[in-house]
N, C-alpha and C. Protein backbone atom coordinates (compact mmCIF):
# COMPACT_ATOMS: atom_id res chain seq x y z
N MET A 1 -16.81 -86.56 25.17
CA MET A 1 -16.24 -86.02 23.77
C MET A 1 -16.43 -88.03 23.02
N LYS A 2 -16.68 -86.70 21.54
CA LYS A 2 -16.94 -87.43 20.37
C LYS A 2 -15.57 -88.80 20.23
N PRO A 3 -15.98 -90.22 19.89
CA PRO A 3 -15.56 -90.94 19.07
C PRO A 3 -14.97 -91.06 17.85
N GLU A 4 -13.24 -91.35 17.44
CA GLU A 4 -13.16 -90.83 16.37
C GLU A 4 -13.65 -92.39 15.49
N ALA A 5 -13.97 -91.26 13.79
CA ALA A 5 -14.12 -92.50 13.04
C ALA A 5 -12.89 -93.39 12.59
N PRO A 6 -12.97 -94.88 12.68
CA PRO A 6 -12.03 -95.60 11.90
C PRO A 6 -11.59 -94.86 10.87
N ARG A 7 -10.19 -95.07 10.83
CA ARG A 7 -9.53 -95.61 9.62
C ARG A 7 -9.85 -96.00 8.53
N THR A 8 -9.62 -96.00 7.16
CA THR A 8 -9.55 -97.02 6.88
C THR A 8 -9.29 -98.24 6.79
N GLU A 9 -7.32 -97.41 7.18
CA GLU A 9 -6.41 -99.38 7.48
C GLU A 9 -7.31 -99.90 8.66
N GLU A 10 -8.12 -99.17 9.18
CA GLU A 10 -9.04 -100.69 10.26
C GLU A 10 -10.36 -101.38 9.69
N LEU A 11 -10.57 -101.19 8.76
CA LEU A 11 -12.04 -101.85 8.00
C LEU A 11 -11.70 -101.88 7.09
N PRO A 12 -10.72 -103.53 6.79
CA PRO A 12 -10.54 -104.88 6.16
C PRO A 12 -11.99 -104.95 5.40
N ILE A 13 -12.72 -104.84 5.78
CA ILE A 13 -14.35 -105.20 4.68
C ILE A 13 -13.79 -104.22 3.12
N TYR A 14 -13.78 -102.47 4.25
CA TYR A 14 -13.66 -101.97 2.69
C TYR A 14 -13.03 -101.55 1.96
N GLU A 15 -11.24 -102.10 2.00
CA GLU A 15 -10.59 -102.56 1.21
C GLU A 15 -10.82 -104.22 -0.01
N SER A 16 -11.57 -104.68 0.73
CA SER A 16 -12.03 -105.70 0.10
C SER A 16 -12.73 -105.39 -1.12
N LEU A 17 -13.76 -104.87 -0.34
CA LEU A 17 -14.80 -103.82 -1.26
C LEU A 17 -14.07 -103.55 -2.61
N ILE A 18 -12.85 -102.58 -1.92
CA ILE A 18 -12.51 -102.06 -3.66
C ILE A 18 -12.42 -102.79 -4.10
N ARG A 19 -11.29 -103.61 -4.03
CA ARG A 19 -10.52 -104.05 -5.05
C ARG A 19 -11.60 -105.21 -5.55
N GLU A 20 -12.63 -105.52 -4.98
CA GLU A 20 -13.62 -106.31 -5.89
C GLU A 20 -14.57 -105.08 -6.82
N ARG A 21 -15.24 -104.57 -6.43
CA ARG A 21 -15.81 -103.37 -6.91
C ARG A 21 -15.41 -101.66 -7.22
N GLY A 22 -14.14 -101.60 -7.49
CA GLY A 22 -13.36 -99.78 -7.89
C GLY A 22 -14.06 -99.88 -6.57
N ASP A 23 -12.95 -98.53 -6.41
CA ASP A 23 -13.43 -97.17 -5.86
C ASP A 23 -14.90 -96.12 -6.42
N VAL A 24 -15.72 -97.02 -5.89
CA VAL A 24 -16.70 -95.58 -6.34
C VAL A 24 -16.91 -94.35 -5.74
N VAL A 25 -16.10 -94.32 -4.79
CA VAL A 25 -16.43 -92.73 -4.65
C VAL A 25 -15.48 -91.75 -5.00
N GLU A 26 -14.04 -92.58 -5.14
CA GLU A 26 -13.28 -91.58 -6.04
C GLU A 26 -13.71 -91.43 -7.81
N GLU A 27 -13.76 -92.62 -8.31
CA GLU A 27 -14.75 -92.41 -9.39
C GLU A 27 -15.98 -91.37 -9.61
N ALA A 28 -16.51 -90.70 -8.23
CA ALA A 28 -17.76 -89.99 -8.16
C ALA A 28 -17.37 -88.47 -8.46
N ARG A 29 -16.59 -88.67 -7.75
CA ARG A 29 -15.29 -87.24 -7.43
C ARG A 29 -14.57 -86.57 -8.77
N VAL A 30 -13.76 -87.83 -9.78
CA VAL A 30 -13.01 -87.00 -11.14
C VAL A 30 -14.58 -87.09 -12.10
N VAL A 31 -15.83 -87.38 -11.69
CA VAL A 31 -16.43 -87.58 -12.60
C VAL A 31 -17.23 -85.61 -12.21
N ALA A 32 -17.35 -85.83 -11.01
CA ALA A 32 -17.68 -84.39 -10.09
C ALA A 32 -17.54 -83.21 -11.07
N GLU A 33 -15.21 -83.75 -10.76
CA GLU A 33 -14.49 -82.24 -11.09
C GLU A 33 -14.78 -82.15 -12.39
N GLU A 34 -14.80 -82.72 -13.17
CA GLU A 34 -14.85 -82.66 -14.93
C GLU A 34 -16.10 -82.12 -15.74
N THR A 35 -17.44 -82.44 -14.38
CA THR A 35 -18.73 -81.49 -14.54
C THR A 35 -18.13 -80.26 -14.34
N GLN A 36 -17.93 -80.53 -12.84
CA GLN A 36 -17.48 -79.02 -12.68
C GLN A 36 -16.78 -77.74 -13.90
N HIS A 37 -15.49 -78.08 -14.49
CA HIS A 37 -15.17 -77.47 -15.60
C HIS A 37 -15.49 -77.89 -16.72
N GLN A 38 -16.43 -77.97 -16.99
CA GLN A 38 -17.32 -78.58 -18.42
C GLN A 38 -18.12 -77.23 -18.35
N MET A 39 -18.67 -76.95 -16.45
CA MET A 39 -20.03 -75.81 -16.34
C MET A 39 -19.04 -74.42 -16.32
N SER A 40 -18.26 -74.62 -16.18
CA SER A 40 -17.54 -73.33 -15.86
C SER A 40 -17.11 -72.78 -17.32
N LEU A 41 -16.91 -73.54 -18.23
CA LEU A 41 -16.03 -73.41 -19.33
C LEU A 41 -18.20 -72.97 -20.70
N ALA A 42 -18.90 -73.98 -20.06
CA ALA A 42 -19.90 -73.00 -21.02
C ALA A 42 -20.75 -72.29 -19.78
N LEU A 43 -20.32 -71.65 -18.84
CA LEU A 43 -20.53 -70.19 -18.23
C LEU A 43 -20.09 -69.32 -18.63
N ALA A 44 -19.14 -69.30 -18.95
CA ALA A 44 -18.10 -68.93 -19.62
C ALA A 44 -17.94 -68.71 -21.46
N GLY A 45 -18.48 -69.13 -21.70
CA GLY A 45 -19.15 -69.52 -23.13
C GLY A 45 -17.76 -69.50 -24.10
N VAL A 46 -17.25 -70.59 -23.35
CA VAL A 46 -16.28 -71.18 -24.40
C VAL A 46 -16.30 -72.38 -24.50
N ALA A 47 -17.53 -73.17 -24.53
CA ALA A 47 -17.66 -75.09 -23.62
C ALA A 47 -17.88 -75.26 -25.68
N SER A 48 -17.27 -77.01 -25.44
CA SER A 48 -17.96 -76.94 -27.11
C SER A 48 -18.70 -78.45 -26.64
N ALA A 49 -19.20 -78.70 -28.29
CA ALA A 49 -20.60 -79.82 -28.36
C ALA A 49 -20.50 -80.56 -27.46
N PRO A 50 -21.66 -80.79 -26.64
CA PRO A 50 -21.89 -82.20 -25.78
C PRO A 50 -21.29 -83.69 -26.29
N GLN A 51 -20.60 -84.47 -25.97
CA GLN A 51 -20.31 -85.44 -26.05
C GLN A 51 -20.97 -86.74 -25.41
N GLU A 52 -21.63 -87.46 -26.92
CA GLU A 52 -21.95 -88.73 -26.39
C GLU A 52 -20.92 -89.93 -25.82
N THR A 53 -21.38 -89.94 -24.83
CA THR A 53 -20.86 -91.28 -23.92
C THR A 53 -22.06 -92.40 -24.01
N GLY A 54 -23.34 -93.03 -24.60
CA GLY A 54 -23.87 -93.99 -24.09
C GLY A 54 -23.72 -95.01 -26.01
N ALA A 55 -23.76 -96.48 -25.91
CA ALA A 55 -23.81 -96.80 -26.62
C ALA A 55 -24.90 -97.06 -27.35
N SER A 56 -25.35 -97.33 -28.62
CA SER A 56 -26.28 -97.27 -29.89
C SER A 56 -26.79 -98.36 -29.80
């Protein structure tokens, strides 16, 4: 039998890291969803011009 993975409530260091550094996993998920949406639009031929996010 395989042991269950610990739940987030049982990992105080994880909660501490999220408070200190932010939820990187959540941020990556949001960016991935936005990118997927933009690519769907691009493949459908309705995408707008790309926006630059970098500072010059």
